[in-house]
Amino acid sequence: MAGSTETRGGVFTALVSVYVILTLAALGRSGYQIATKFEEAPVAYVLSAVAAVVYLIATIALIVSARRGGRLVAISALAFEAAGVLGVGTLSLFRPDLFPADTVWSTFGQGYLFIPLVLPFIGLWWLFRTRRPR
């Protein structure tokens, strides 16, 4: 049952905590890069800002996932995040010329200890594990 102690316990708290930290890190990084050296790699820095916004949406959606519509927003945000990290990660390996500077999702989040690669899948696992029976 969503909202119960079982579903809102340790895994949920850890998941949301990591999302909060990742959101702040990505916002700080992209904000600094855009403000100080945007002309060097605009695509990379905008992608980092997009990642930060996606992390923020995912964080809020996970928190309200027990509410009507919250779960759908959370699943959508996590799926978009997974697609983004897989897409940008793959492109950054095979077409590094497209990314003169790293993004949050470059090489599958290597600069963030691959947390961006695994986090959306952990989030999706948690959402599906805690869904209410129909």
C-alpha atoms as a PDB file:
ATOM      1  CA  MET A   1       0.000   0.000   0.000  1.00  0.00           C
ATOM      2  CA  ALA A   2       1.547   3.319  -1.054  1.00  0.00           C
ATOM      3  CA  GLY A   3       2.390   5.541   1.850  1.00  0.00           C
ATOM      4  CA  SER A   4       2.739   2.705   4.317  1.00  0.00           C
ATOM      5  CA  THR A   5       5.808   2.236   6.471  1.00  0.00           C
ATOM      6  CA  GLU A   6       6.898  -0.657   4.250  1.00  0.00           C
ATOM      7  CA  THR A   7       6.941   1.388   1.036  1.00  0.00           C
ATOM      8  CA  ARG A   8       8.082   4.667   2.558  1.00  0.00           C
ATOM      9  CA  GLY A   9      10.892   3.183   4.595  1.00  0.00           C
ATOM     10  CA  GLY A  10      14.615   2.872   4.060  1.00  0.00           C
ATOM     11  CA  VAL A  11      14.756   2.292   0.315  1.00  0.00           C
ATOM     12  CA  PHE A  12      12.392   5.205  -0.344  1.00  0.00           C
ATOM     13  CA  THR A  13      14.319   7.530   1.969  1.00  0.00           C
ATOM     14  CA  ALA A  14      17.656   6.566   0.423  1.00  0.00           C
ATOM     15  CA  LEU A  15      16.276   6.920  -3.114  1.00  0.00           C
ATOM     16  CA  VAL A  16      14.850  10.377  -2.512  1.00  0.00           C
ATOM     17  CA  SER A  17      17.983  11.462  -0.629  1.00  0.00           C
ATOM     18  CA  VAL A  18      20.228  10.466  -3.535  1.00  0.00           C
ATOM     19  CA  TYR A  19      17.908  12.278  -5.950  1.00  0.00           C
ATOM     20  CA  VAL A  20      18.072  15.445  -3.832  1.00  0.00           C
ATOM     21  CA  ILE A  21      21.879  15.315  -3.776  1.00  0.00           C
ATOM     22  CA  LEU A  22      22.085  14.601  -7.506  1.00  0.00           C
ATOM     23  CA  THR A  23      19.642  17.429  -8.247  1.00  0.00           C
ATOM     24  CA  LEU A  24      21.731  19.898  -6.260  1.00  0.00           C
ATOM     25  CA  ALA A  25      24.983  18.671  -7.833  1.00  0.00           C
ATOM     26  CA  ALA A  26      23.616  18.887 -11.382  1.00  0.00           C
ATOM     27  CA  LEU A  27      22.022  22.296 -10.757  1.00  0.00           C
ATOM     28  CA  GLY A  28      25.269  23.625  -9.299  1.00  0.00           C
ATOM     29  CA  ARG A  29      27.420  22.210 -12.055  1.00  0.00           C
ATOM     30  CA  SER A  30      25.228  23.300 -14.948  1.00  0.00           C
ATOM     31  CA  GLY A  31      24.547  26.698 -13.412  1.00  0.00           C
ATOM     32  CA  TYR A  32      28.247  27.381 -13.004  1.00  0.00           C
ATOM     33  CA  GLN A  33      29.083  26.110 -16.495  1.00  0.00           C
ATOM     34  CA  ILE A  34      26.330  28.093 -18.183  1.00  0.00           C
ATOM     35  CA  ALA A  35      27.210  31.245 -16.252  1.00  0.00           C
ATOM     36  CA  THR A  36      30.972  31.094 -16.771  1.00  0.00           C
ATOM     37  CA  LYS A  37      31.805  29.189 -19.951  1.00  0.00           C
ATOM     38  CA  PHE A  38      28.655  28.578 -21.938  1.00  0.00           C
ATOM     39  CA  GLU A  39      30.317  29.368 -25.285  1.00  0.00           C
ATOM     40  CA  GLU A  40      32.820  26.506 -24.848  1.00  0.00           C
ATOM     41  CA  ALA A  41      30.237  23.704 -24.953  1.00  0.00           C
ATOM     42  CA  PRO A  42      26.643  24.964 -25.020  1.00  0.00           C
ATOM     43  CA  VAL A  43      25.069  21.597 -25.884  1.00  0.00           C
ATOM     44  CA  ALA A  44      26.860  19.802 -23.059  1.00  0.00           C
ATOM     45  CA  TYR A  45      25.992  22.468 -20.507  1.00  0.00           C
ATOM     46  CA  VAL A  46      22.349  22.657 -21.551  1.00  0.00           C
ATOM     47  CA  LEU A  47      22.132  18.854 -21.336  1.00  0.00           C
ATOM     48  CA  SER A  48      23.472  19.038 -17.788  1.00  0.00           C
ATOM     49  CA  ALA A  49      20.786  21.625 -16.991  1.00  0.00           C
ATOM     50  CA  VAL A  50      18.135  19.358 -18.532  1.00  0.00           C
ATOM     51  CA  ALA A  51      19.399  16.500 -16.369  1.00  0.00           C
ATOM     52  CA  ALA A  52      19.125  18.726 -13.298  1.00  0.00           C
ATOM     53  CA  VAL A  53      15.513  19.625 -14.124  1.00  0.00           C
ATOM     54  CA  VAL A  54      14.666  15.971 -14.753  1.00  0.00           C
ATOM     55  CA  TYR A  55      16.203  15.054 -11.378  1.00  0.00           C
ATOM     56  CA  LEU A  56      14.141  17.755  -9.682  1.00  0.00           C
ATOM     57  CA  ILE A  57      10.921  16.538 -11.323  1.00  0.00           C
ATOM     58  CA  ALA A  58      11.774  12.930 -10.466  1.00  0.00           C
ATOM     59  CA  THR A  59      12.477  13.866  -6.840  1.00  0.00           C
ATOM     60  CA  ILE A  60       9.182  15.680  -6.400  1.00  0.00           C
ATOM     61  CA  ALA A  61       7.242  13.009  -8.299  1.00  0.00           C
ATOM     62  CA  LEU A  62       8.711  10.240  -6.130  1.00  0.00           C
ATOM     63  CA  ILE A  63       7.722  12.141  -2.999  1.00  0.00           C
ATOM     64  CA  VAL A  64       4.126  12.541  -4.220  1.00  0.00           C
ATOM     65  CA  SER A  65       3.961   9.145  -5.969  1.00  0.00           C
ATOM     66  CA  ALA A  66       1.291   7.933  -3.547  1.00  0.00           C
ATOM     67  CA  ARG A  67      -1.047  10.659  -4.817  1.00  0.00           C
ATOM     68  CA  ARG A  68      -3.181  10.390  -7.897  1.00  0.00           C
ATOM     69  CA  GLY A  69      -1.074  11.150 -10.968  1.00  0.00           C
ATOM     70  CA  GLY A  70       2.168  11.326  -8.992  1.00  0.00           C
ATOM     71  CA  ARG A  71       3.129   7.773  -9.863  1.00  0.00           C
ATOM     72  CA  LEU A  72       2.633   8.395 -13.602  1.00  0.00           C
ATOM     73  CA  VAL A  73       4.763  11.542 -13.474  1.00  0.00           C
ATOM     74  CA  ALA A  74       7.448   9.659 -11.543  1.00  0.00           C
ATOM     75  CA  ILE A  75       7.490   6.776 -14.029  1.00  0.00           C
ATOM     76  CA  SER A  76       7.625   9.229 -16.939  1.00  0.00           C
ATOM     77  CA  ALA A  77      10.461  11.254 -15.391  1.00  0.00           C
ATOM     78  CA  LEU A  78      12.482   8.142 -14.544  1.00  0.00           C
ATOM     79  CA  ALA A  79      11.937   6.661 -18.012  1.00  0.00           C
ATOM     80  CA  PHE A  80      13.025   9.958 -19.612  1.00  0.00           C
ATOM     81  CA  GLU A  81      16.058  10.028 -17.325  1.00  0.00           C
ATOM     82  CA  ALA A  82      16.984   6.441 -18.227  1.00  0.00           C
ATOM     83  CA  ALA A  83      16.634   7.196 -21.939  1.00  0.00           C
ATOM     84  CA  GLY A  84      18.701  10.357 -21.527  1.00  0.00           C
ATOM     85  CA  VAL A  85      21.587   8.731 -19.703  1.00  0.00           C
ATOM     86  CA  LEU A  86      21.617   5.777 -22.102  1.00  0.00           C
ATOM     87  CA  GLY A  87      21.384   8.017 -25.170  1.00  0.00           C
ATOM     88  CA  VAL A  88      23.894  10.648 -24.101  1.00  0.00           C
ATOM     89  CA  GLY A  89      26.144   7.979 -22.610  1.00  0.00           C
ATOM     90  CA  THR A  90      26.219   6.057 -25.875  1.00  0.00           C
ATOM     91  CA  LEU A  91      26.708   9.181 -28.004  1.00  0.00           C
ATOM     92  CA  SER A  92      29.514  10.405 -25.766  1.00  0.00           C
ATOM     93  CA  LEU A  93      31.356   7.130 -26.311  1.00  0.00           C
ATOM     94  CA  PHE A  94      30.862   6.841 -30.060  1.00  0.00           C
ATOM     95  CA  ARG A  95      30.749  10.545 -30.981  1.00  0.00           C
ATOM     96  CA  PRO A  96      32.874  12.347 -28.388  1.00  0.00           C
ATOM     97  CA  ASP A  97      33.231  15.249 -30.840  1.00  0.00           C
ATOM     98  CA  LEU A  98      29.609  16.145 -30.034  1.00  0.00           C
ATOM     99  CA  PHE A  99      30.536  16.768 -26.398  1.00  0.00           C
ATOM    100  CA  PRO A 100      33.639  18.946 -26.003  1.00  0.00           C
ATOM    101  CA  ALA A 101      32.833  18.996 -22.282  1.00  0.00           C
ATOM    102  CA  ASP A 102      31.245  16.367 -20.067  1.00  0.00           C
ATOM    103  CA  THR A 103      27.570  16.416 -19.200  1.00  0.00           C
ATOM    104  CA  VAL A 104      26.020  14.788 -16.152  1.00  0.00           C
ATOM    105  CA  TRP A 105      25.069  11.869 -18.408  1.00  0.00           C
ATOM    106  CA  SER A 106      28.347  11.603 -20.395  1.00  0.00           C
ATOM    107  CA  THR A 107      29.826   8.117 -20.412  1.00  0.00           C
ATOM    108  CA  PHE A 108      26.760   6.957 -18.497  1.00  0.00           C
ATOM    109  CA  GLY A 109      27.382   9.270 -15.544  1.00  0.00           C
ATOM    110  CA  GLN A 110      30.978   8.245 -14.989  1.00  0.00           C
ATOM    111  CA  GLY A 111      31.753  11.626 -13.414  1.00  0.00           C
ATOM    112  CA  TYR A 112      29.079  10.876 -10.833  1.00  0.00           C
ATOM    113  CA  LEU A 113      30.236   7.299 -10.112  1.00  0.00           C
ATOM    114  CA  PHE A 114      27.631   5.911 -12.576  1.00  0.00           C
ATOM    115  CA  ILE A 115      24.845   6.868 -10.186  1.00  0.00           C
ATOM    116  CA  PRO A 116      22.913   8.519 -13.067  1.00  0.00           C
ATOM    117  CA  LEU A 117      22.965   5.168 -14.867  1.00  0.00           C
ATOM    118  CA  VAL A 118      21.562   3.027 -12.062  1.00  0.00           C
ATOM    119  CA  LEU A 119      19.328   5.485 -10.209  1.00  0.00           C
ATOM    120  CA  PRO A 120      16.371   5.624 -12.633  1.00  0.00           C
ATOM    121  CA  PHE A 121      16.236   1.837 -12.745  1.00  0.00           C
ATOM    122  CA  ILE A 122      16.245   1.609  -8.948  1.00  0.00           C
ATOM    123  CA  GLY A 123      13.476   4.215  -8.908  1.00  0.00           C
ATOM    124  CA  LEU A 124      11.405   2.318 -11.462  1.00  0.00           C
ATOM    125  CA  TRP A 125      11.965  -0.928  -9.543  1.00  0.00           C
ATOM    126  CA  TRP A 126      10.754   0.758  -6.348  1.00  0.00           C
ATOM    127  CA  LEU A 127       7.677   2.229  -8.064  1.00  0.00           C
ATOM    128  CA  PHE A 128       6.655  -1.109  -9.549  1.00  0.00           C
ATOM    129  CA  ARG A 129       7.432  -3.002  -6.356  1.00  0.00           C
ATOM    130  CA  THR A 130       5.209  -0.696  -4.305  1.00  0.00           C
ATOM    131  CA  ARG A 131       2.280  -0.326  -6.684  1.00  0.00           C
ATOM    132  CA  ARG A 132      -1.147  -1.030  -5.305  1.00  0.00           C
ATOM    133  CA  PRO A 133      -2.925  -4.153  -6.499  1.00  0.00           C
ATOM    134  CA  ARG A 134      -5.842  -3.412  -8.826  1.00  0.00           C
END
